[in-house]
Amino acid sequence: MEGLRLLDGLEEIQFLRIQSHCSTLFLYMQHLHDTNRFLDVIVQNDGEYAASAHRLILAAYSRHLDAALTSVQDSAVITLNIDPKVTGKAIFIIYAFTKIIS
């Protein structure tokens, strides 16, 4: 039985495997964030704590954060000129939208 062809030459079965892998990865990253494991960046504004996160997730979801992280690669603390409440909420939203909505 031939699989349904999708864009870029992917077959439906291959696509579903990739989608499953991504879902598993995102769920595990959410778990790591929720349990404060392997968090490798603290986001601050004017010295105030805004949020902790994983560099990989922040860089993947925000060009602004990617640029900020690139400029301070050797530092565990980045400083952004954004309201800390907004920054914290943005990071929460990034992690929240990696969850599967059923």
N, C-alpha and C. Protein backbone atom coordinates (compact mmCIF):
# COMPACT_ATOMS: atom_id res chain seq x y z
N MET A 1 0.84 -1.19 0.00
CA MET A 1 0.00 0.00 0.00
C MET A 1 0.88 1.25 0.00
N GLU A 2 0.68 2.08 -0.95
CA GLU A 2 1.48 3.30 -1.07
C GLU A 2 0.92 4.38 -0.16
N GLY A 3 1.82 5.07 0.56
CA GLY A 3 1.39 6.14 1.46
C GLY A 3 0.97 7.38 0.70
N LEU A 4 0.15 8.18 1.33
CA LEU A 4 -0.27 9.46 0.79
C LEU A 4 0.94 10.38 0.68
N ARG A 5 1.13 11.00 -0.47
CA ARG A 5 2.28 11.90 -0.67
C ARG A 5 1.95 13.29 -0.13
N LEU A 6 2.87 13.84 0.62
CA LEU A 6 2.73 15.19 1.15
C LEU A 6 3.75 16.10 0.50
N LEU A 7 3.79 17.34 0.89
CA LEU A 7 4.77 18.29 0.37
C LEU A 7 6.19 17.81 0.61
N ASP A 8 7.10 18.26 -0.21
CA ASP A 8 8.53 17.96 -0.08
C ASP A 8 8.84 16.47 -0.12
N GLY A 9 8.00 15.67 -0.75
CA GLY A 9 8.28 14.26 -0.92
C GLY A 9 8.03 13.40 0.31
N LEU A 10 7.50 13.98 1.38
CA LEU A 10 7.20 13.17 2.56
C LEU A 10 5.95 12.35 2.33
N GLU A 11 5.95 11.16 2.83
CA GLU A 11 4.74 10.36 2.80
C GLU A 11 4.02 10.56 4.12
N GLU A 12 2.73 10.24 4.15
CA GLU A 12 1.91 10.46 5.35
C GLU A 12 2.50 9.77 6.57
N ILE A 13 2.96 8.52 6.44
CA ILE A 13 3.51 7.78 7.57
C ILE A 13 4.76 8.49 8.10
N GLN A 14 5.65 8.92 7.21
CA GLN A 14 6.85 9.64 7.64
C GLN A 14 6.46 10.92 8.36
N PHE A 15 5.48 11.64 7.82
CA PHE A 15 5.04 12.89 8.43
C PHE A 15 4.50 12.64 9.83
N LEU A 16 3.70 11.60 9.99
CA LEU A 16 3.13 11.30 11.31
C LEU A 16 4.22 10.94 12.30
N ARG A 17 5.26 10.24 11.86
CA ARG A 17 6.38 9.91 12.74
C ARG A 17 7.11 11.18 13.17
N ILE A 18 7.34 12.09 12.23
CA ILE A 18 8.00 13.35 12.55
C ILE A 18 7.14 14.15 13.52
N GLN A 19 5.85 14.21 13.25
CA GLN A 19 4.93 14.96 14.11
C GLN A 19 4.94 14.36 15.52
N SER A 20 4.95 13.04 15.63
CA SER A 20 4.98 12.38 16.93
C SER A 20 6.28 12.69 17.66
N HIS A 21 7.39 12.67 16.94
CA HIS A 21 8.69 12.98 17.53
C HIS A 21 8.70 14.40 18.07
N CYS A 22 8.19 15.35 17.29
CA CYS A 22 8.14 16.75 17.73
C CYS A 22 7.26 16.91 18.96
N SER A 23 6.13 16.25 18.97
CA SER A 23 5.23 16.33 20.13
C SER A 23 5.91 15.78 21.37
N THR A 24 6.61 14.67 21.23
CA THR A 24 7.32 14.08 22.36
C THR A 24 8.39 15.02 22.87
N LEU A 25 9.15 15.61 21.97
CA LEU A 25 10.20 16.55 22.36
C LEU A 25 9.61 17.75 23.09
N PHE A 26 8.56 18.35 22.54
CA PHE A 26 7.96 19.52 23.17
C PHE A 26 7.38 19.20 24.54
N LEU A 27 6.73 18.05 24.65
CA LEU A 27 6.18 17.66 25.95
C LEU A 27 7.28 17.46 26.98
N TYR A 28 8.40 16.87 26.56
CA TYR A 28 9.50 16.66 27.49
C TYR A 28 10.15 17.99 27.88
N MET A 29 10.31 18.91 26.94
CA MET A 29 10.86 20.23 27.26
C MET A 29 9.93 20.96 28.24
N GLN A 30 8.62 20.82 28.06
CA GLN A 30 7.67 21.42 29.00
C GLN A 30 7.86 20.81 30.38
N HIS A 31 8.02 19.48 30.44
CA HIS A 31 8.25 18.80 31.71
C HIS A 31 9.54 19.30 32.37
N LEU A 32 10.60 19.43 31.59
CA LEU A 32 11.87 19.92 32.14
C LEU A 32 11.70 21.34 32.69
N HIS A 33 10.96 22.17 31.99
CA HIS A 33 10.72 23.54 32.45
C HIS A 33 9.89 23.52 33.73
N ASP A 34 8.83 22.72 33.75
CA ASP A 34 7.95 22.66 34.92
C ASP A 34 8.67 22.15 36.16
N THR A 35 9.68 21.30 35.97
CA THR A 35 10.42 20.72 37.10
C THR A 35 11.76 21.43 37.33
N ASN A 36 11.95 22.56 36.65
CA ASN A 36 13.18 23.36 36.80
C ASN A 36 14.46 22.59 36.52
N ARG A 37 14.43 21.71 35.54
CA ARG A 37 15.61 20.92 35.19
C ARG A 37 16.25 21.45 33.92
N PHE A 38 17.57 21.52 33.95
CA PHE A 38 18.39 21.91 32.80
C PHE A 38 18.07 23.30 32.27
N LEU A 39 17.48 24.15 33.09
CA LEU A 39 17.25 25.53 32.69
C LEU A 39 18.60 26.20 32.60
N ASP A 40 18.90 26.79 31.46
CA ASP A 40 20.25 27.32 31.27
C ASP A 40 20.28 28.81 30.98
N VAL A 41 19.17 29.48 31.21
CA VAL A 41 19.17 30.94 31.04
C VAL A 41 18.18 31.56 32.02
N ILE A 42 18.58 32.66 32.59
CA ILE A 42 17.71 33.45 33.45
C ILE A 42 17.49 34.77 32.73
N VAL A 43 16.25 35.09 32.46
CA VAL A 43 15.95 36.34 31.77
C VAL A 43 15.67 37.41 32.82
N GLN A 44 16.35 38.54 32.67
CA GLN A 44 16.20 39.65 33.61
C GLN A 44 15.91 40.94 32.85
N ASN A 45 15.39 41.91 33.58
CA ASN A 45 15.26 43.26 33.06
C ASN A 45 15.59 44.21 34.19
N ASP A 46 16.58 45.06 33.97
CA ASP A 46 17.03 45.99 35.00
C ASP A 46 17.35 45.28 36.31
N GLY A 47 17.94 44.08 36.20
CA GLY A 47 18.33 43.33 37.38
C GLY A 47 17.21 42.55 38.04
N GLU A 48 15.99 42.67 37.54
CA GLU A 48 14.85 41.94 38.11
C GLU A 48 14.65 40.62 37.37
N TYR A 49 14.40 39.56 38.14
CA TYR A 49 14.12 38.25 37.56
C TYR A 49 12.81 38.30 36.79
N ALA A 50 12.81 37.77 35.59
CA ALA A 50 11.58 37.67 34.80
C ALA A 50 11.18 36.21 34.58
N ALA A 51 12.16 35.36 34.26
CA ALA A 51 11.84 33.95 34.00
C ALA A 51 13.12 33.15 33.81
N SER A 52 12.99 31.84 33.97
CA SER A 52 14.05 30.89 33.64
C SER A 52 13.57 30.06 32.46
N ALA A 53 14.51 29.63 31.64
CA ALA A 53 14.11 28.89 30.45
C ALA A 53 15.28 28.12 29.88
N HIS A 54 15.02 27.44 28.76
CA HIS A 54 16.04 26.73 27.99
C HIS A 54 16.39 27.59 26.78
N ARG A 55 17.68 27.81 26.56
CA ARG A 55 18.12 28.62 25.42
C ARG A 55 17.56 28.10 24.10
N LEU A 56 17.57 26.81 23.93
CA LEU A 56 17.11 26.20 22.69
C LEU A 56 15.67 26.60 22.38
N ILE A 57 14.80 26.52 23.37
CA ILE A 57 13.39 26.86 23.17
C ILE A 57 13.24 28.34 22.86
N LEU A 58 13.91 29.19 23.63
CA LEU A 58 13.79 30.64 23.40
C LEU A 58 14.29 31.01 22.00
N ALA A 59 15.43 30.46 21.62
CA ALA A 59 16.00 30.78 20.31
C ALA A 59 15.10 30.28 19.18
N ALA A 60 14.49 29.13 19.37
CA ALA A 60 13.64 28.55 18.33
C ALA A 60 12.36 29.35 18.10
N TYR A 61 11.86 29.99 19.13
CA TYR A 61 10.57 30.65 19.02
C TYR A 61 10.63 32.16 18.92
N SER A 62 11.80 32.76 19.04
CA SER A 62 11.87 34.22 19.00
C SER A 62 13.18 34.68 18.38
N ARG A 63 13.09 35.42 17.31
CA ARG A 63 14.29 35.98 16.68
C ARG A 63 14.97 36.97 17.62
N HIS A 64 14.18 37.73 18.36
CA HIS A 64 14.73 38.70 19.30
C HIS A 64 15.54 37.99 20.39
N LEU A 65 14.97 36.94 20.96
CA LEU A 65 15.68 36.19 22.00
C LEU A 65 16.87 35.44 21.42
N ASP A 66 16.75 34.94 20.20
CA ASP A 66 17.88 34.28 19.53
C ASP A 66 19.05 35.26 19.42
N ALA A 67 18.77 36.47 18.98
CA ALA A 67 19.83 37.48 18.84
C ALA A 67 20.44 37.82 20.20
N ALA A 68 19.59 37.96 21.22
CA ALA A 68 20.09 38.27 22.57
C ALA A 68 20.95 37.14 23.10
N LEU A 69 20.53 35.90 22.88
CA LEU A 69 21.30 34.74 23.35
C LEU A 69 22.61 34.61 22.60
N THR A 70 22.61 34.90 21.32
CA THR A 70 23.82 34.82 20.52
C THR A 70 24.87 35.82 21.00
N SER A 71 24.41 36.97 21.42
CA SER A 71 25.36 38.01 21.85
C SER A 71 25.95 37.74 23.24
N VAL A 72 25.37 36.82 24.00
CA VAL A 72 25.86 36.52 25.36
C VAL A 72 26.01 35.02 25.56
N GLN A 73 26.59 34.33 24.59
CA GLN A 73 26.66 32.87 24.62
C GLN A 73 27.28 32.31 25.89
N ASP A 74 28.28 32.98 26.44
CA ASP A 74 28.97 32.42 27.60
C ASP A 74 28.35 32.83 28.93
N SER A 75 27.22 33.52 28.89
CA SER A 75 26.60 34.02 30.11
C SER A 75 25.32 33.25 30.41
N ALA A 76 25.10 32.95 31.69
CA ALA A 76 23.87 32.29 32.09
C ALA A 76 22.74 33.29 32.27
N VAL A 77 23.05 34.57 32.26
CA VAL A 77 22.05 35.61 32.47
C VAL A 77 22.02 36.54 31.27
N ILE A 78 20.82 36.75 30.73
CA ILE A 78 20.69 37.73 29.66
C ILE A 78 19.84 38.88 30.18
N THR A 79 20.08 40.06 29.66
CA THR A 79 19.32 41.24 30.05
C THR A 79 18.62 41.78 28.82
N LEU A 80 17.31 41.90 28.91
CA LEU A 80 16.51 42.43 27.80
C LEU A 80 15.85 43.73 28.23
N ASN A 81 15.70 44.65 27.32
CA ASN A 81 15.03 45.91 27.61
C ASN A 81 13.54 45.80 27.34
N ILE A 82 12.92 44.90 28.07
CA ILE A 82 11.48 44.64 27.96
C ILE A 82 10.94 44.58 29.38
N ASP A 83 9.71 45.02 29.56
CA ASP A 83 9.06 44.95 30.87
C ASP A 83 9.14 43.52 31.38
N PRO A 84 9.62 43.29 32.61
CA PRO A 84 9.77 41.93 33.13
C PRO A 84 8.47 41.13 33.13
N LYS A 85 7.34 41.78 33.36
CA LYS A 85 6.06 41.07 33.35
C LYS A 85 5.75 40.55 31.95
N VAL A 86 6.01 41.37 30.96
CA VAL A 86 5.78 40.96 29.58
C VAL A 86 6.74 39.84 29.19
N THR A 87 8.01 39.99 29.55
CA THR A 87 9.01 38.97 29.23
C THR A 87 8.63 37.63 29.84
N GLY A 88 8.27 37.63 31.13
CA GLY A 88 7.88 36.39 31.79
C GLY A 88 6.66 35.76 31.16
N LYS A 89 5.68 36.58 30.80
CA LYS A 89 4.47 36.05 30.17
C LYS A 89 4.78 35.50 28.78
N ALA A 90 5.66 36.16 28.05
CA ALA A 90 6.03 35.67 26.72
C ALA A 90 6.69 34.30 26.81
N ILE A 91 7.56 34.12 27.78
CA ILE A 91 8.23 32.83 27.95
C ILE A 91 7.23 31.77 28.37
N PHE A 92 6.29 32.12 29.25
CA PHE A 92 5.23 31.19 29.65
C PHE A 92 4.45 30.76 28.41
N ILE A 93 4.11 31.71 27.55
CA ILE A 93 3.33 31.41 26.35
C ILE A 93 4.12 30.50 25.42
N ILE A 94 5.41 30.74 25.26
CA ILE A 94 6.24 29.88 24.41
C ILE A 94 6.15 28.44 24.88
N TYR A 95 6.29 28.21 26.18
CA TYR A 95 6.23 26.85 26.71
C TYR A 95 4.80 26.31 26.67
N ALA A 96 3.82 27.14 26.94
CA ALA A 96 2.43 26.68 26.97
C ALA A 96 2.00 26.17 25.60
N PHE A 97 2.44 26.82 24.53
CA PHE A 97 2.01 26.42 23.20
C PHE A 97 2.80 25.26 22.64
N THR A 98 3.72 24.69 23.43
CA THR A 98 4.36 23.45 23.00
C THR A 98 3.55 22.25 23.48
N LYS A 99 2.54 22.49 24.31
CA LYS A 99 1.70 21.41 24.80
C LYS A 99 0.72 20.98 23.72
N ILE A 100 0.30 19.74 23.79
CA ILE A 100 -0.70 19.24 22.85
C ILE A 100 -2.07 19.60 23.40
N ILE A 101 -2.89 20.21 22.55
CA ILE A 101 -4.24 20.57 22.95
C ILE A 101 -5.16 19.50 22.42
N SER A 102 -5.90 18.87 23.34
CA SER A 102 -6.79 17.79 22.88
C SER A 102 -8.23 18.23 22.89
